[in-house]
């Protein structure tokens, strides 16, 4: 017997309502962004009163937390699946872009402008760490590879002393540098592409992304 089979009708109904509320929230975010999210507006769309909807989500922050948790979980699962299938750093980059293009609103909710006054709970930070752990694993330098540039050595030395963002991952300074470059530079291109800033420039953003991946790997 599955967990779903053990649910009571009341529990199933509650789960269905919460799922519908989240779908309505994504529709709102697509139009007005996360700062414009309104539980009262969602309640009106669903033919409910505001107080009735608050029985399913205690407030805006709880709803945003659920949406961010779902988005991060989706990306973490995507990256983990790609890594388990043998994807290297470039393969993880392809998985990241495919996930972002499939649902830009989820991407912008977790990597776009922070929602004013909102602070994510610790469990979301833990999910984000899963993603970084996979990148750090893939960013380990291969046998025989070396970096000699003074600027590179300086950054690696700095990251070796300031590695809080990598949690407890035992990555080498070179892997820290590669993963950080990977994360920041690819997100820069993705954010510009998804926001439409390349529209009308006459080139294919996919080619720019691929070139950046080649430079990074």
Protein backbone atom coordinates (compact mmCIF):
# COMPACT_ATOMS: atom_id res chain seq x y z
CA UNK A 1 0.00 0.00 0.00
CA UNK A 2 1.42 3.38 -1.01
CA UNK A 3 1.41 6.53 1.11
CA UNK A 4 -1.27 7.97 -1.18
CA UNK A 5 -3.51 4.96 -0.51
CA UNK A 6 -3.29 5.65 3.23
CA UNK A 7 -4.49 9.26 2.86
CA UNK A 8 -7.98 10.08 3.98
CA UNK A 9 -10.38 11.83 1.56
CA UNK A 10 -9.89 15.03 3.57
CA UNK A 11 -6.10 14.78 3.20
CA UNK A 12 -6.35 14.13 -0.54
CA UNK A 13 -8.67 17.11 -0.96
CA UNK A 14 -6.29 19.33 0.99
CA UNK A 15 -3.33 18.20 -1.15
CA UNK A 16 -5.31 18.91 -4.33
CA UNK A 17 -6.27 22.39 -3.12
CA UNK A 18 -2.70 23.21 -2.18
CA UNK A 19 -1.49 22.06 -5.60
CA UNK A 20 -4.10 24.22 -7.34
CA UNK A 21 -3.18 27.22 -5.21
CA UNK A 22 0.46 26.79 -6.24
CA UNK A 23 -0.48 26.58 -9.91
CA UNK A 24 -2.47 29.81 -9.59
CA UNK A 25 0.52 31.38 -7.86
CA UNK A 26 2.82 30.44 -10.75
CA UNK A 27 0.33 32.05 -13.15
CA UNK A 28 0.44 35.25 -11.09
CA UNK A 29 4.23 35.23 -10.94
CA UNK A 30 4.41 34.85 -14.72
CA UNK A 31 2.43 38.07 -15.10
CA UNK A 32 3.50 40.26 -12.17
CA UNK A 33 6.55 38.58 -10.65
CA UNK A 34 6.89 37.16 -7.15
CA UNK A 35 6.58 40.57 -5.38
CA UNK A 36 3.08 40.89 -6.87
CA UNK A 37 1.88 37.56 -5.48
CA UNK A 38 -1.49 37.98 -3.74
CA UNK A 39 -3.26 35.23 -1.81
CA UNK A 40 -6.49 37.21 -1.87
CA UNK A 41 -6.36 37.39 -5.67
CA UNK A 42 -5.79 33.63 -5.83
CA UNK A 43 -8.75 33.10 -3.50
CA UNK A 44 -11.00 35.14 -5.80
CA UNK A 45 -9.87 33.15 -8.84
CA UNK A 46 -10.73 29.93 -7.06
CA UNK A 47 -14.08 31.18 -5.76
CA UNK A 48 -12.88 31.08 -2.16
CA UNK A 49 -12.77 33.67 0.58
CA UNK A 50 -9.42 34.97 1.76
CA UNK A 51 -9.74 33.37 5.21
CA UNK A 52 -10.62 30.02 3.60
CA UNK A 53 -7.44 30.05 1.50
CA UNK A 54 -5.35 30.88 4.56
CA UNK A 55 -6.32 27.48 5.95
CA UNK A 56 -4.08 25.96 3.27
CA UNK A 57 -1.20 28.47 3.38
CA UNK A 58 -0.67 30.61 6.45
CA UNK A 59 0.59 33.55 4.42
CA UNK A 60 2.47 34.78 1.36
CA UNK A 61 5.85 33.71 2.71
CA UNK A 62 4.71 30.14 3.30
CA UNK A 63 3.41 29.93 -0.27
CA UNK A 64 6.61 31.42 -1.70
CA UNK A 65 8.63 28.95 0.37
CA UNK A 66 6.68 26.05 -1.13
CA UNK A 67 7.24 27.37 -4.65
CA UNK A 68 10.95 27.93 -4.11
CA UNK A 69 11.30 24.52 -2.48
CA UNK A 70 9.59 22.86 -5.46
CA UNK A 71 11.79 24.79 -7.91
CA UNK A 72 15.05 23.99 -6.15
CA UNK A 73 14.02 20.37 -5.71
CA UNK A 74 13.28 20.11 -9.43
CA UNK A 75 16.70 21.51 -10.36
CA UNK A 76 18.52 19.40 -7.77
CA UNK A 77 16.85 16.25 -9.10
CA UNK A 78 17.71 17.26 -12.68
CA UNK A 79 21.38 17.84 -11.82
CA UNK A 80 21.61 14.68 -9.72
CA UNK A 81 20.09 12.56 -12.49
CA UNK A 82 22.50 14.02 -15.04
CA UNK A 83 25.47 13.40 -12.73
CA UNK A 84 24.34 9.83 -12.05
CA UNK A 85 24.23 9.18 -15.78
CA UNK A 86 27.89 10.18 -16.09
CA UNK A 87 27.52 13.81 -17.16
CA UNK A 88 30.69 15.88 -16.87
CA UNK A 89 30.75 19.61 -16.09
CA UNK A 90 29.59 20.47 -19.61
CA UNK A 91 26.79 17.92 -19.33
CA UNK A 92 25.61 19.52 -16.11
CA UNK A 93 25.64 22.86 -17.91
CA UNK A 94 23.36 21.44 -20.60
CA UNK A 95 21.03 20.05 -17.92
CA UNK A 96 20.91 23.44 -16.20
CA UNK A 97 20.00 25.30 -19.39
CA UNK A 98 17.34 22.77 -20.39
CA UNK A 99 15.72 23.06 -16.95
CA UNK A 100 15.77 26.85 -17.07
CA UNK A 101 14.34 27.10 -20.59
CA UNK A 102 11.57 24.63 -19.75
CA UNK A 103 10.21 26.94 -17.04
CA UNK A 104 11.77 30.42 -16.83
CA UNK A 105 9.50 31.50 -13.96
CA UNK A 106 10.90 28.80 -11.69
CA UNK A 107 14.40 29.83 -12.69
CA UNK A 108 13.80 33.50 -11.90
CA UNK A 109 12.13 32.71 -8.58
CA UNK A 110 15.30 31.06 -7.29
CA UNK A 111 17.99 32.97 -9.22
CA UNK A 112 16.32 36.28 -10.03
CA UNK A 113 15.80 39.39 -7.93
CA UNK A 114 15.16 38.45 -4.27
CA UNK A 115 11.60 38.91 -3.03
CA UNK A 116 11.59 41.94 -0.68
CA UNK A 117 11.23 40.94 2.95
CA UNK A 118 11.44 37.20 2.28
CA UNK A 119 14.01 34.89 3.90
CA UNK A 120 14.28 31.25 2.87
CA UNK A 121 14.35 28.55 5.57
CA UNK A 122 17.39 26.35 6.16
CA UNK A 123 16.02 23.32 4.32
CA UNK A 124 16.01 25.27 1.05
CA UNK A 125 19.65 26.19 1.58
CA UNK A 126 20.34 22.47 2.04
CA UNK A 127 18.71 21.66 -1.32
CA UNK A 128 20.78 24.37 -3.00
CA UNK A 129 23.88 22.76 -1.47
CA UNK A 130 23.01 19.48 -3.20
CA UNK A 131 23.27 21.28 -6.54
CA UNK A 132 26.63 22.85 -5.68
CA UNK A 133 27.97 19.52 -4.38
CA UNK A 134 27.30 17.92 -7.78
CA UNK A 135 29.10 20.79 -9.53
CA UNK A 136 32.07 20.57 -7.17
CA UNK A 137 32.33 16.83 -7.82
CA UNK A 138 32.38 17.44 -11.57
CA UNK A 139 34.79 20.37 -11.25
CA UNK A 140 37.65 18.35 -9.77
CA UNK A 141 40.69 18.82 -12.04
CA UNK A 142 41.77 15.86 -14.10
CA UNK A 143 45.10 14.13 -13.63
CA UNK A 144 47.95 16.13 -15.06
CA UNK A 145 46.02 19.39 -15.29
CA UNK A 146 47.61 22.46 -13.77
CA UNK A 147 46.97 26.17 -13.45
CA UNK A 148 49.89 28.56 -13.29
CA UNK A 149 48.52 32.06 -13.92
CA UNK A 150 49.15 34.43 -11.03
CA UNK A 151 45.55 35.65 -11.07
CA UNK A 152 44.23 32.10 -10.97
CA UNK A 153 46.52 31.12 -8.12
CA UNK A 154 45.45 34.22 -6.18
CA UNK A 155 41.75 33.40 -6.56
CA UNK A 156 42.27 29.76 -5.59
CA UNK A 157 44.17 30.85 -2.48
CA UNK A 158 41.34 33.21 -1.56
CA UNK A 159 38.64 30.57 -2.09
CA UNK A 160 40.59 28.04 -0.04
CA UNK A 161 40.23 30.41 2.93
CA UNK A 162 36.66 31.49 2.15
CA UNK A 163 34.77 28.32 1.30
CA UNK A 164 31.61 28.69 3.37
CA UNK A 165 29.53 28.57 0.17
CA UNK A 166 30.86 25.05 -0.52
CA UNK A 167 29.61 23.78 2.88
CA UNK A 168 31.57 20.69 3.93
CA UNK A 169 32.55 19.56 0.44
CA UNK A 170 36.26 18.56 0.37
CA UNK A 171 36.85 20.19 -3.02
CA UNK A 172 40.33 21.33 -3.94
CA UNK A 173 40.97 25.07 -4.48
CA UNK A 174 41.06 24.42 -8.24
CA UNK A 175 37.65 22.72 -8.10
CA UNK A 176 36.25 25.58 -6.04
CA UNK A 177 37.42 28.05 -8.69
CA UNK A 178 36.07 26.02 -11.61
CA UNK A 179 32.68 25.46 -9.98
CA UNK A 180 32.32 29.11 -9.03
CA UNK A 181 33.24 30.30 -12.52
CA UNK A 182 30.84 27.75 -13.97
CA UNK A 183 27.97 28.84 -11.73
CA UNK A 184 28.38 32.60 -12.10
CA UNK A 185 29.19 32.81 -15.81
CA UNK A 186 26.51 30.39 -16.98
CA UNK A 187 23.87 32.01 -14.79
CA UNK A 188 24.85 35.36 -16.27
CA UNK A 189 24.11 34.17 -19.80
CA UNK A 190 20.94 32.32 -18.78
CA UNK A 191 19.54 35.31 -16.90
CA UNK A 192 20.09 37.61 -19.87
CA UNK A 193 18.65 35.08 -22.31
CA UNK A 194 15.52 34.32 -20.28
CA UNK A 195 14.90 38.02 -19.66
CA UNK A 196 14.91 38.61 -23.42
CA UNK A 197 18.00 40.81 -23.53
CA UNK A 198 19.42 38.94 -26.54
CA UNK A 199 16.24 39.42 -28.57
CA UNK A 200 16.95 41.37 -31.73
CA UNK A 201 20.73 41.01 -31.48
CA UNK A 202 20.75 38.49 -34.31
CA UNK A 203 22.66 35.61 -32.75
CA UNK A 204 21.66 32.29 -31.20
CA UNK A 205 22.06 32.37 -27.40
CA UNK A 206 22.61 28.62 -27.47
CA UNK A 207 25.86 29.17 -29.40
CA UNK A 208 27.05 31.72 -26.85
CA UNK A 209 26.21 29.33 -24.02
CA UNK A 210 28.05 26.46 -25.74
CA UNK A 211 31.10 28.64 -26.30
CA UNK A 212 31.13 29.60 -22.62
CA UNK A 213 30.89 25.93 -21.66
CA UNK A 214 33.87 25.12 -23.86
CA UNK A 215 35.87 27.94 -22.28
CA UNK A 216 34.95 26.73 -18.81
CA UNK A 217 35.76 23.07 -19.44
